[in-house]
Amino acid sequence: MRTVVALLLFLTPAARAFSAEIAPNIDDLFSVYSKPHSPGCSVGVIRDGGFVFRKSYGEASVELGVPLASQSTFYLASVSKQFTAASVVLAAEQGFLSLDDDVHKYIPEIPDYGHPITLRQMLHQTSGFRDFLALIYLSGRDISALSSPDAVLRLIVRQKALNNLPGEEFVYSNSNYFLLGVVVKRATGKSLAEFAAANIFQPLGMLHTLFYDDNTIVVPNRVAAYDRGKDSTFRVDWSTTYDIVGGGGVVSNVDDLLFWDRNFYANRLGKESLARELEAHGVLNNGKEVNYGLGLWMGDYRGLRTVEHSGGTFGYRTELLRFPEQRFSIIVLCNVADADVEGLARKITDRYLEKQLKADSGAAARSGAVPDAAAFAGTHPDPRTHTTYTFTAQNGELIAWGVKLRRLGENEYSDLVGNPIVFKNVNGTMTASLTLQGQTFFYGNKVPELHLSDSQLRSFTGRYYSDELDAIYTVSQVKGVLSLRVGDNSPIALNSVGTTEFQAGDLGTIVFSGGANPGAAMTLFSRSARGVLFWKHD
């Protein structure tokens, strides 16, 4: 009875009416977590400013047997970016900065790449800054190697080039939002945590929400996070020492996020235009829009406009999905690494907004009246960005990045954040393309398996050093297979996608130049850190 009363306190009259009219059962979506000794998810469904559903599944601490609740505090990961963006907008309204300022005005130690880089471009992810999290991964070090914000800044400053010319392309990078946090501190004299607390969290009554920039503080009701181990067991996968903020760093709960959702319809922060600013599409130099606003993705789901962001760090997986015209939102906060929060949010949407959604184009595809997923499996390198997408088929499902892709149509699948990947047979060659608003983000032809001779492979062996990563890569040949070792980590098999180009697992794509020449270099291209240079070290 107490749960029902508590829920009613969060309901507006309109939400109460909606809740009485339709209350679909969504427990089955989270049934895998509704058992002892399992982490899980806290869920909130909002309509017209109030909860129409609020329930938690699983445990906040498997060790202690503490159940999750709507007051459980999660690390939000990249969902935090909208709060960083809001802080920048509010700082601009208060006269501390302008969104069109060059970042060098506040962080002059950033190298001069020959072009100004504006705060607005950073907010829209079009600046070109390489992602510092990707750089750490590429260096072979763990994220725990980032001991301080100063260490992150030094890593970013170490980069000799950008992913792209500022404003020319959209490339998602956590460096943008980390640097924006630095800008807020240098422009206002307050840390991002202090500024957001005074200008966002406290005014909205989000009393259990903060930017976690001090790993010595106690966070009430903070939940542990887990990864799935063997034999249906779980392993702890979280860190209380990671306190780098900007691209992530906010800790919050379902109850507090209700107040943030309400503010998009009745703004209580700064000028009335805050929500409009956050939802404004980025614009490329060619005048075309991208579907990323300020810390928010702009999209469409079955005919309805969406505004959302998801996050995933350590074992936390989080999602805030909003349908502005319907005044309908879904919060899914999970403390288990394999939770498909985006998919769960959409399945909840299907049940609540069924009458307003267009027909699911994927339903016909799943009926089997379309090409089998195996037709699209294969390796597709993009010659422009040297990014490689690899798709595999299993039991009629297309798999990429370790997850099953949602089918959108006959030759179309969704990537991890809802963007369509389209397959076409062009003159006998299967192509895959991903188009974001304003740009072709990926385009690659499927390539056949390529087998190079032992002498060809041997020409690439050696030790390579990158000053940008401060890391050594060792390339070896064993029994006709080329492999790469980063520092003391396990070797990674290199899969040839060209005569001098190799896919290096999660690292990305390696392109060699010069063969056995002692001065030869190789270049590494990952999705968010392109063109990292290496030189022969021996």
Protein backbone atom coordinates (compact mmCIF):
# COMPACT_ATOMS: atom_id res chain seq x y z
CA MET A 1 0.00 0.00 0.00
CA ARG A 2 2.87 2.38 0.79
CA THR A 3 4.25 1.95 -2.74
CA VAL A 4 0.91 2.90 -4.27
CA VAL A 5 0.58 5.99 -2.06
CA ALA A 6 4.14 7.08 -2.82
CA LEU A 7 3.52 6.69 -6.54
CA LEU A 8 0.35 8.78 -6.39
CA LEU A 9 2.31 11.66 -4.85
CA PHE A 10 4.25 11.92 -8.14
CA LEU A 11 1.17 11.82 -10.38
CA THR A 12 -0.42 14.88 -11.93
CA PRO A 13 -4.20 14.71 -12.48
CA ALA A 14 -3.61 14.07 -16.19
CA ALA A 15 -1.16 11.30 -15.38
CA ARG A 16 -3.63 9.71 -12.95
CA ALA A 17 -6.26 9.66 -15.66
CA PHE A 18 -3.84 8.13 -18.14
CA SER A 19 -2.71 5.53 -15.60
CA ALA A 20 -6.32 4.52 -14.94
CA GLU A 21 -7.06 4.33 -18.66
CA ILE A 22 -4.13 2.12 -19.62
CA ALA A 23 -1.73 0.22 -17.41
CA PRO A 24 0.00 -2.42 -19.53
CA ASN A 25 1.96 -5.06 -17.73
CA ILE A 26 5.66 -4.60 -18.37
CA ASP A 27 6.91 -6.90 -15.63
CA ASP A 28 7.66 -9.61 -18.18
CA LEU A 29 10.22 -7.33 -19.89
CA PHE A 30 12.29 -7.36 -16.71
CA SER A 31 11.48 -10.87 -15.48
CA VAL A 32 15.09 -12.00 -15.98
CA TYR A 33 16.05 -9.70 -13.08
CA SER A 34 13.16 -10.59 -10.76
CA LYS A 35 14.99 -13.27 -8.87
CA PRO A 36 17.32 -13.48 -5.88
CA HIS A 37 20.99 -12.55 -6.26
CA SER A 38 20.52 -10.65 -9.52
CA PRO A 39 21.22 -7.02 -10.36
CA GLY A 40 18.53 -5.33 -12.40
CA CYS A 41 16.81 -2.10 -13.34
CA SER A 42 14.82 0.79 -11.90
CA VAL A 43 12.11 1.99 -14.27
CA GLY A 44 9.97 5.09 -14.49
CA VAL A 45 7.28 5.88 -17.07
CA ILE A 46 6.18 9.52 -17.14
CA ARG A 47 3.07 11.01 -18.71
CA ASP A 48 2.14 14.71 -18.43
CA GLY A 49 4.66 15.36 -15.68
CA GLY A 50 3.90 12.41 -13.40
CA PHE A 51 4.73 8.77 -13.07
CA VAL A 52 2.22 6.33 -14.53
CA PHE A 53 4.55 3.46 -13.72
CA ARG A 54 7.48 3.22 -11.32
CA LYS A 55 9.02 -0.06 -10.28
CA SER A 56 12.39 -1.67 -9.65
CA TYR A 57 13.60 -5.18 -10.43
CA GLY A 58 16.61 -6.91 -8.95
CA GLU A 59 19.16 -5.87 -6.36
CA ALA A 60 21.19 -2.74 -5.77
CA SER A 61 23.81 -4.85 -4.02
CA VAL A 62 24.01 -8.54 -4.75
CA GLU A 63 26.54 -8.87 -1.94
CA LEU A 64 24.23 -7.37 0.67
CA GLY A 65 20.90 -8.44 -0.79
CA VAL A 66 19.62 -4.84 -0.94
CA PRO A 67 16.76 -4.43 -3.45
CA LEU A 68 16.69 -1.70 -6.05
CA ALA A 69 14.22 1.15 -5.56
CA SER A 70 13.29 4.39 -7.28
CA GLN A 71 15.59 6.13 -4.78
CA SER A 72 18.57 3.96 -5.79
CA THR A 73 21.35 6.16 -7.15
CA PHE A 74 22.99 5.11 -10.43
CA TYR A 75 25.97 6.40 -12.36
CA LEU A 76 24.34 7.86 -15.49
CA ALA A 77 27.39 7.70 -17.79
CA SER A 78 26.72 9.57 -21.08
CA VAL A 79 23.20 10.56 -20.05
CA SER A 80 25.19 13.16 -18.07
CA LYS A 81 26.04 15.06 -21.25
CA GLN A 82 22.71 16.90 -21.31
CA PHE A 83 23.46 18.30 -17.84
CA THR A 84 26.91 19.45 -18.98
CA ALA A 85 25.29 21.08 -22.01
CA ALA A 86 22.66 22.77 -19.84
CA SER A 87 25.42 24.14 -17.61
CA VAL A 88 27.20 25.64 -20.63
CA VAL A 89 23.97 27.22 -21.90
CA LEU A 90 23.17 28.67 -18.47
CA ALA A 91 26.73 29.99 -18.13
CA ALA A 92 26.28 31.71 -21.49
CA GLU A 93 22.98 33.23 -20.37
CA GLN A 94 24.76 34.61 -17.32
CA GLY A 95 27.41 36.26 -19.48
CA PHE A 96 30.37 34.06 -18.58
CA LEU A 97 30.88 32.77 -22.12
CA SER A 98 29.40 32.52 -25.60
CA LEU A 99 28.61 29.28 -27.42
CA ASP A 100 30.46 30.68 -30.43
CA ASP A 101 33.67 31.34 -28.51
CA ASP A 102 36.82 29.54 -29.63
CA VAL A 103 37.75 26.95 -27.01
CA HIS A 104 41.33 28.32 -27.05
CA LYS A 105 40.00 31.39 -25.23
CA TYR A 106 39.54 29.22 -22.14
CA ILE A 107 41.99 26.36 -22.77
CA PRO A 108 44.93 27.95 -24.63
CA GLU A 109 47.12 24.88 -24.13
CA ILE A 110 45.11 22.97 -26.75
CA PRO A 111 47.24 22.81 -29.94
CA ASP A 112 46.46 25.14 -32.81
CA TYR A 113 45.10 22.84 -35.50
CA GLY A 114 44.79 25.68 -38.01
CA HIS A 115 41.07 26.29 -37.46
CA PRO A 116 39.01 27.78 -34.62
CA ILE A 117 37.00 25.24 -32.64
CA THR A 118 33.86 26.68 -31.08
CA LEU A 119 32.04 25.56 -27.97
CA ARG A 120 28.96 25.08 -30.12
CA GLN A 121 30.81 22.62 -32.36
CA MET A 122 31.94 20.74 -29.26
CA LEU A 123 28.38 20.58 -27.94
CA HIS A 124 27.16 19.19 -31.27
CA GLN A 125 30.07 16.71 -31.51
CA THR A 126 31.45 18.23 -34.71
CA SER A 127 34.71 19.68 -33.32
CA GLY A 128 37.03 16.87 -34.40
CA PHE A 129 38.58 16.20 -30.98
CA ARG A 130 39.60 12.57 -30.56
CA ASP A 131 37.79 10.71 -27.77
CA PHE A 132 40.03 10.48 -24.70
CA LEU A 133 38.37 7.22 -23.57
CA ALA A 134 39.19 5.68 -26.94
CA LEU A 135 42.76 6.97 -26.68
CA ILE A 136 43.21 5.34 -23.28
CA TYR A 137 41.86 2.07 -24.63
CA LEU A 138 44.09 2.26 -27.70
CA SER A 139 47.12 2.86 -25.48
CA GLY A 140 46.50 -0.46 -23.75
CA ARG A 141 45.85 1.12 -20.39
CA ASP A 142 42.77 0.82 -18.22
CA ILE A 143 40.39 3.72 -17.62
CA SER A 144 41.68 3.73 -14.04
CA ALA A 145 44.94 5.08 -15.49
CA LEU A 146 43.14 8.44 -15.72
CA SER A 147 44.14 9.64 -12.29
CA SER A 148 42.92 13.23 -12.58
CA PRO A 149 41.29 15.79 -14.89
CA ASP A 150 44.78 17.19 -15.48
CA ALA A 151 45.89 13.80 -16.80
CA VAL A 152 42.94 13.72 -19.22
CA LEU A 153 43.71 17.23 -20.42
CA ARG A 154 47.37 16.33 -20.98
CA LEU A 155 46.28 13.34 -23.08
CA ILE A 156 44.00 15.48 -25.24
CA VAL A 157 46.64 18.18 -25.65
CA ARG A 158 49.12 15.47 -26.74
CA GLN A 159 47.13 14.83 -29.95
CA LYS A 160 48.73 16.23 -33.09
CA ALA A 161 45.63 16.13 -35.26
CA LEU A 162 41.82 16.08 -35.21
CA ASN A 163 39.40 13.45 -36.46
CA ASN A 164 37.99 15.95 -38.94
CA LEU A 165 37.99 19.63 -39.76
CA PRO A 166 35.86 21.47 -37.19
CA GLY A 167 32.24 21.60 -38.33
CA GLU A 168 32.77 19.24 -41.28
CA GLU A 169 31.54 16.01 -39.69
CA PHE A 170 29.75 14.57 -36.69
CA VAL A 171 32.03 12.24 -34.70
CA TYR A 172 30.91 11.43 -31.16
CA SER A 173 33.68 12.17 -28.66
CA ASN A 174 33.75 12.30 -24.87
CA SER A 175 36.62 14.78 -25.10
CA ASN A 176 34.19 17.47 -26.21
CA TYR A 177 32.15 17.29 -23.03
CA PHE A 178 35.12 16.82 -20.72
CA LEU A 179 36.63 20.01 -22.17
CA LEU A 180 33.31 21.83 -21.81
CA GLY A 181 33.45 21.00 -18.11
CA VAL A 182 36.91 22.59 -17.98
CA VAL A 183 35.53 25.65 -19.80
CA VAL A 184 32.72 26.04 -17.25
CA LYS A 185 35.23 25.99 -14.41
CA ARG A 186 37.62 28.48 -16.01
CA ALA A 187 34.85 30.81 -17.20
CA THR A 188 32.70 30.87 -14.05
CA GLY A 189 35.23 30.14 -11.32
CA LYS A 190 33.09 27.19 -10.17
CA SER A 191 33.64 23.53 -10.91
CA LEU A 192 31.09 21.85 -13.16
CA ALA A 193 29.77 20.05 -10.07
CA GLU A 194 29.35 23.32 -8.15
CA PHE A 195 27.81 25.19 -11.08
CA ALA A 196 25.33 22.42 -11.93
CA ALA A 197 24.33 22.02 -8.28
CA ALA A 198 23.60 25.74 -7.89
CA ASN A 199 21.97 26.27 -11.28
CA ILE A 200 20.23 22.96 -12.09
CA PHE A 201 19.94 20.35 -9.38
CA GLN A 202 19.05 22.51 -6.38
CA PRO A 203 16.53 24.77 -8.20
CA LEU A 204 14.73 21.69 -9.57
CA GLY A 205 14.72 19.85 -6.25
CA MET A 206 17.02 17.10 -7.56
CA LEU A 207 18.53 16.68 -4.12
CA HIS A 208 20.05 13.25 -4.78
CA THR A 209 21.76 14.23 -8.04
CA LEU A 210 25.32 15.49 -8.46
CA PHE A 211 28.38 15.45 -10.67
CA TYR A 212 30.64 12.88 -8.99
CA ASP A 213 33.99 14.72 -9.20
CA ASP A 214 35.37 13.69 -5.80
CA ASN A 215 35.84 9.97 -5.18
CA THR A 216 36.06 10.46 -1.42
CA ILE A 217 32.47 11.58 -0.94
CA VAL A 218 29.68 9.30 0.23
CA VAL A 219 26.74 8.93 -2.19
CA PRO A 220 23.62 7.72 -0.33
CA ASN A 221 21.82 4.75 -1.92
CA ARG A 222 24.52 4.31 -4.56
CA VAL A 223 24.22 0.96 -6.30
CA ALA A 224 26.98 -1.40 -7.33
CA ALA A 225 27.17 -2.51 -10.96
CA TYR A 226 27.78 -5.96 -12.37
CA ASP A 227 28.82 -7.92 -15.42
CA ARG A 228 27.49 -11.36 -16.17
CA GLY A 229 29.94 -14.14 -15.35
CA LYS A 230 29.92 -17.87 -15.91
CA ASP A 231 27.27 -20.26 -14.61
CA SER A 232 24.67 -17.49 -14.14
CA THR A 233 26.84 -15.69 -11.61
CA PHE A 234 27.72 -12.01 -11.60
CA ARG A 235 30.99 -10.18 -11.24
CA VAL A 236 31.33 -6.70 -9.79
CA ASP A 237 32.04 -4.20 -12.58
CA TRP A 238 32.09 -0.71 -11.15
CA SER A 239 34.48 1.92 -9.90
CA THR A 240 34.11 4.43 -7.11
CA THR A 241 37.50 5.92 -7.97
CA TYR A 242 36.57 7.25 -11.42
CA ASP A 243 35.62 10.89 -10.90
CA ILE A 244 36.18 12.47 -14.33
CA VAL A 245 33.12 14.53 -15.25
CA GLY A 246 31.66 16.31 -18.27
CA GLY A 247 31.20 13.43 -20.71
CA GLY A 248 29.76 11.47 -17.79
CA GLY A 249 29.84 11.74 -14.04
CA VAL A 250 26.28 12.48 -12.94
CA VAL A 251 24.77 10.17 -10.35
CA SER A 252 20.99 10.30 -9.95
CA ASN A 253 17.86 8.21 -9.46
CA VAL A 254 14.47 7.66 -11.06
CA ASP A 255 12.65 10.00 -8.66
CA ASP A 256 14.99 12.94 -9.28
CA LEU A 257 14.93 12.51 -13.06
CA LEU A 258 11.17 13.15 -13.01
CA PHE A 259 11.94 16.78 -12.11
CA TRP A 260 14.41 17.08 -14.98
CA ASP A 261 11.80 15.71 -17.40
CA ARG A 262 9.20 18.21 -16.17
CA ASN A 263 11.57 21.09 -16.84
CA PHE A 264 11.43 20.49 -20.60
CA TYR A 265 7.77 21.52 -20.55
CA ALA A 266 7.81 24.20 -17.83
CA ASN A 267 11.33 25.58 -17.60
CA ARG A 268 12.47 26.85 -14.21
CA LEU A 269 16.13 27.40 -15.13
CA GLY A 270 17.53 30.56 -16.68
CA LYS A 271 15.71 31.84 -19.71
CA GLU A 272 12.63 30.17 -21.13
CA SER A 273 14.62 28.98 -24.16
CA LEU A 274 16.71 26.32 -22.37
CA ALA A 275 14.79 23.31 -23.68
CA ARG A 276 14.76 24.76 -27.19
CA GLU A 277 18.53 25.31 -27.03
CA LEU A 278 19.19 21.74 -25.88
CA GLU A 279 17.03 20.28 -28.66
CA ALA A 280 18.49 22.43 -31.46
CA HIS A 281 20.10 20.31 -34.17
CA GLY A 282 23.77 20.81 -34.91
CA VAL A 283 24.58 22.39 -38.28
CA LEU A 284 27.59 21.39 -40.37
CA ASN A 285 29.70 23.81 -42.37
CA ASN A 286 27.71 22.86 -45.49
CA GLY A 287 24.49 24.01 -43.81
CA LYS A 288 23.07 20.54 -43.29
CA GLU A 289 21.75 19.45 -39.90
CA VAL A 290 22.92 16.52 -37.80
CA ASN A 291 20.64 14.68 -35.43
CA TYR A 292 22.58 15.56 -32.28
CA GLY A 293 21.52 18.54 -30.24
CA LEU A 294 23.25 19.65 -27.05
CA GLY A 295 23.89 16.37 -25.24
CA LEU A 296 20.73 14.87 -26.77
CA TRP A 297 19.94 12.69 -29.78
CA MET A 298 17.06 13.85 -31.97
CA GLY A 299 15.28 10.97 -33.67
CA ASP A 300 12.10 9.19 -34.63
CA TYR A 301 10.51 5.99 -33.43
CA ARG A 302 7.67 4.52 -35.47
CA GLY A 303 6.53 7.93 -36.63
CA LEU A 304 6.90 9.81 -33.33
CA ARG A 305 9.62 12.37 -32.64
CA THR A 306 12.09 11.34 -29.94
CA VAL A 307 14.68 13.06 -27.78
CA GLU A 308 16.99 10.73 -25.90
CA HIS A 309 20.39 9.72 -24.66
CA SER A 310 21.74 6.47 -23.33
CA GLY A 311 24.84 5.72 -21.34
CA GLY A 312 27.10 2.84 -20.48
CA THR A 313 30.20 2.84 -18.27
CA PHE A 314 31.53 0.01 -16.11
CA GLY A 315 28.44 -2.13 -15.42
CA TYR A 316 25.92 0.71 -15.56
CA ARG A 317 23.47 1.03 -18.47
CA THR A 318 21.09 4.00 -18.56
CA GLU A 319 18.48 5.48 -20.89
CA LEU A 320 16.24 8.57 -20.91
CA LEU A 321 13.79 8.47 -23.82
CA ARG A 322 11.30 11.29 -24.34
CA PHE A 323 8.42 11.79 -26.80
CA PRO A 324 7.90 15.58 -26.57
CA GLU A 325 4.61 15.83 -28.46
CA GLN A 326 3.08 13.06 -26.35
CA ARG A 327 4.61 14.40 -23.10
CA PHE A 328 5.67 10.83 -22.50
CA SER A 329 9.06 9.67 -21.18
CA ILE A 330 10.77 6.50 -20.07
CA ILE A 331 13.64 6.15 -17.60
CA VAL A 332 15.54 2.86 -17.48
CA LEU A 333 18.50 2.68 -15.09
CA CYS A 334 20.27 -0.68 -14.83
CA ASN A 335 23.24 -1.99 -12.90
CA VAL A 336 24.09 -4.91 -15.17
CA ALA A 337 26.33 -4.48 -18.21
CA ASP A 338 24.30 -6.52 -20.72
CA ALA A 339 20.99 -4.70 -20.17
CA ASP A 340 19.58 -3.47 -23.51
CA VAL A 341 18.23 -0.22 -22.10
CA GLU A 342 17.39 1.32 -25.47
CA GLY A 343 15.48 -1.78 -26.55
CA LEU A 344 13.66 -2.05 -23.22
CA ALA A 345 12.58 1.59 -23.41
CA ARG A 346 11.15 1.05 -26.88
CA LYS A 347 9.31 -2.10 -25.85
CA ILE A 348 7.70 -0.14 -23.02
CA THR A 349 6.76 2.54 -25.57
CA ASP A 350 5.13 -0.09 -27.79
CA ARG A 351 2.78 -1.03 -24.96
CA TYR A 352 1.86 2.45 -23.79
CA LEU A 353 1.66 4.28 -27.13
CA GLU A 354 0.51 1.41 -29.31
CA LYS A 355 -2.39 3.34 -30.83
CA GLN A 356 -0.20 6.32 -31.78
CA LEU A 357 2.71 4.42 -33.32
CA LYS A 358 3.03 3.58 -36.98
CA ALA A 359 3.16 -0.09 -37.92
CA ASP A 360 6.40 -1.77 -36.91
CA SER A 361 8.25 -2.13 -40.21
CA GLY A 362 10.45 -4.72 -38.58
CA ALA A 363 7.53 -7.02 -37.82
CA ALA A 364 7.16 -8.07 -41.45
CA ALA A 365 10.90 -8.46 -41.65
CA ARG A 366 10.90 -10.79 -38.68
CA SER A 367 8.13 -12.87 -40.24
CA GLY A 368 10.64 -14.36 -42.67
CA ALA A 369 9.23 -12.76 -45.84
CA VAL A 370 12.52 -10.91 -46.46
CA PRO A 371 16.16 -11.80 -47.13
CA ASP A 372 17.84 -13.88 -44.46
CA ALA A 373 20.24 -11.96 -42.24
CA ALA A 374 23.08 -14.12 -43.58
CA ALA A 375 22.87 -12.20 -46.85
CA PHE A 376 24.24 -9.12 -45.05
CA ALA A 377 26.95 -10.80 -42.98
CA GLY A 378 30.50 -9.86 -43.81
CA THR A 379 33.26 -7.30 -43.41
CA HIS A 380 32.76 -3.78 -44.80
CA PRO A 381 35.69 -1.33 -44.69
CA ASP A 382 35.02 2.34 -45.40
CA PRO A 383 37.87 3.65 -47.61
CA ARG A 384 37.25 7.26 -46.52
CA THR A 385 37.48 6.83 -42.75
CA HIS A 386 39.16 3.40 -42.65
CA THR A 387 36.40 2.35 -40.27
CA THR A 388 35.42 -1.31 -40.62
CA TYR A 389 31.97 -2.68 -39.81
CA THR A 390 31.71 -6.45 -39.40
CA PHE A 391 28.34 -8.21 -39.33
CA THR A 392 27.68 -11.84 -38.47
CA ALA A 393 24.46 -13.87 -38.69
CA GLN A 394 23.16 -16.26 -36.07
CA ASN A 395 19.74 -17.93 -35.91
CA GLY A 396 18.31 -15.44 -38.40
CA GLU A 397 19.61 -12.43 -36.46
CA LEU A 398 22.23 -9.92 -37.63
CA ILE A 399 24.86 -9.22 -35.00
CA ALA A 400 27.34 -6.34 -34.69
CA TRP A 401 29.21 -4.79 -31.77
CA GLY A 402 28.27 -7.82 -29.69
CA VAL A 403 24.49 -7.29 -29.88
CA LYS A 404 21.58 -8.36 -32.07
CA LEU A 405 20.57 -5.51 -34.36
CA ARG A 406 16.90 -4.53 -34.55
CA ARG A 407 15.51 -5.05 -38.04
CA LEU A 408 13.76 -2.02 -39.50
CA GLY A 409 12.84 -3.30 -42.94
CA GLU A 410 13.72 -5.60 -45.80
CA ASN A 411 17.33 -4.40 -46.13
CA GLU A 412 17.60 -2.16 -43.11
CA TYR A 413 18.73 -2.53 -39.50
CA SER A 414 19.15 -0.16 -36.58
CA ASP A 415 22.54 0.61 -35.12
CA LEU A 416 22.98 0.86 -31.35
CA VAL A 417 21.26 4.26 -31.08
CA GLY A 418 18.52 3.91 -33.67
CA ASN A 419 20.26 5.11 -36.84
CA PRO A 420 19.46 3.01 -39.95
CA ILE A 421 22.11 0.79 -41.55
CA VAL A 422 21.02 0.10 -45.13
CA PHE A 423 22.29 -2.85 -47.20
CA LYS A 424 22.21 -2.82 -51.00
CA ASN A 425 23.49 -5.16 -53.68
CA VAL A 426 25.36 -2.95 -56.15
CA ASN A 427 26.57 -4.78 -59.25
CA GLY A 428 26.95 -7.99 -57.32
CA THR A 429 28.68 -6.43 -54.31
CA MET A 430 26.88 -5.99 -50.99
CA THR A 431 27.26 -2.48 -49.56
CA ALA A 432 26.45 -1.19 -46.09
CA SER A 433 25.81 2.47 -45.33
CA LEU A 434 24.90 4.50 -42.28
CA THR A 435 23.54 7.97 -42.97
CA LEU A 436 23.10 10.51 -40.22
CA GLN A 437 21.29 13.72 -40.94
CA GLY A 438 23.62 15.85 -43.01
CA GLN A 439 26.32 13.28 -43.73
CA THR A 440 27.15 9.76 -44.81
CA PHE A 441 28.76 8.49 -41.65
CA PHE A 442 29.78 5.10 -43.03
CA TYR A 443 29.82 3.51 -46.48
CA GLY A 444 31.65 0.30 -47.29
CA ASN A 445 31.61 -2.58 -49.74
CA LYS A 446 31.76 -6.14 -48.45
CA VAL A 447 35.24 -7.54 -49.07
CA PRO A 448 36.12 -11.19 -49.65
CA GLU A 449 38.55 -12.99 -47.40
CA LEU A 450 42.08 -11.99 -48.38
CA HIS A 451 45.08 -14.25 -47.80
CA LEU A 452 48.49 -12.58 -48.02
CA SER A 453 51.74 -14.46 -48.46
CA ASP A 454 54.16 -15.06 -45.60
CA SER A 455 56.62 -12.59 -47.11
CA GLN A 456 53.93 -9.92 -47.37
CA LEU A 457 52.91 -10.43 -43.75
CA ARG A 458 56.53 -10.50 -42.57
CA SER A 459 57.10 -7.04 -44.05
CA PHE A 460 54.71 -5.56 -41.48
CA THR A 461 56.30 -7.10 -38.38
CA GLY A 462 58.14 -4.98 -35.85
CA ARG A 463 57.65 -2.57 -32.96
CA TYR A 464 55.81 0.69 -33.54
CA TYR A 465 55.66 3.67 -31.20
CA SER A 466 52.99 6.38 -30.98
CA ASP A 467 53.90 9.60 -29.21
CA GLU A 468 50.21 10.56 -29.17
CA LEU A 469 49.35 7.46 -27.13
CA ASP A 470 52.75 6.98 -25.48
CA ALA A 471 52.37 3.32 -26.40
CA ILE A 472 54.25 0.60 -28.25
CA TYR A 473 52.50 -1.83 -30.59
CA THR A 474 54.33 -5.06 -31.46
CA VAL A 475 53.34 -6.77 -34.71
CA SER A 476 54.35 -10.43 -35.05
CA GLN A 477 53.81 -13.28 -37.48
CA VAL A 478 53.15 -16.79 -36.20
CA LYS A 479 52.18 -19.66 -38.52
CA GLY A 480 50.94 -17.38 -41.26
CA VAL A 481 48.89 -15.18 -38.94
CA LEU A 482 49.71 -11.57 -38.20
CA SER A 483 49.01 -10.43 -34.65
CA LEU A 484 49.35 -7.24 -32.67
CA ARG A 485 50.20 -6.82 -29.01
CA VAL A 486 49.65 -3.57 -27.12
CA GLY A 487 52.11 -3.37 -24.26
CA ASP A 488 51.75 -6.52 -22.15
CA ASN A 489 48.16 -7.23 -23.17
CA SER A 490 47.06 -10.37 -24.99
CA PRO A 491 47.77 -10.40 -28.74
CA ILE A 492 45.04 -9.50 -31.22
CA ALA A 493 44.77 -11.32 -34.55
CA LEU A 494 44.88 -8.98 -37.54
CA ASN A 495 42.35 -9.68 -40.28
CA SER A 496 43.39 -8.34 -43.69
CA VAL A 497 40.79 -6.18 -45.46
CA GLY A 498 43.32 -4.92 -48.02
CA THR A 499 46.92 -5.45 -49.03
CA THR A 500 48.14 -2.96 -46.39
CA GLU A 501 45.01 -2.65 -44.25
CA PHE A 502 44.00 -4.86 -41.33
CA GLN A 503 41.12 -5.01 -38.90
CA ALA A 504 42.49 -5.14 -35.35
CA GLY A 505 39.45 -6.23 -33.36
CA ASP A 506 38.09 -3.56 -31.02
CA LEU A 507 41.13 -1.34 -31.65
CA GLY A 508 39.90 -0.45 -35.12
CA THR A 509 41.79 -0.56 -38.42
CA ILE A 510 45.57 -0.57 -38.94
CA VAL A 511 46.96 0.84 -42.20
CA PHE A 512 50.63 0.17 -42.95
CA SER A 513 52.78 2.26 -45.24
CA GLY A 514 56.32 1.60 -46.42
CA GLY A 515 56.41 -2.14 -45.75
CA ALA A 516 59.79 -3.25 -44.33
CA ASN A 517 61.36 0.19 -44.67
CA PRO A 518 63.00 1.07 -41.30
CA GLY A 519 61.22 4.42 -41.35
CA ALA A 520 57.85 2.89 -42.14
CA ALA A 521 54.79 3.99 -40.23
CA MET A 522 51.40 2.60 -39.50
CA THR A 523 48.25 4.53 -38.80
CA LEU A 524 45.40 3.51 -36.50
CA PHE A 525 41.79 4.43 -37.18
CA SER A 526 39.09 3.81 -34.58
CA ARG A 527 35.52 5.12 -34.68
CA SER A 528 36.28 8.09 -32.43
CA ALA A 529 40.05 8.47 -32.73
CA ARG A 530 41.14 8.59 -36.35
CA GLY A 531 44.61 8.83 -37.84
CA VAL A 532 46.78 8.05 -34.78
CA LEU A 533 50.37 7.74 -36.06
CA PHE A 534 52.99 5.11 -35.18
CA TRP A 535 56.62 4.93 -36.26
CA LYS A 536 58.97 1.95 -36.44
CA HIS A 537 60.66 1.66 -33.04
CA ASP A 538 63.41 -0.81 -33.90
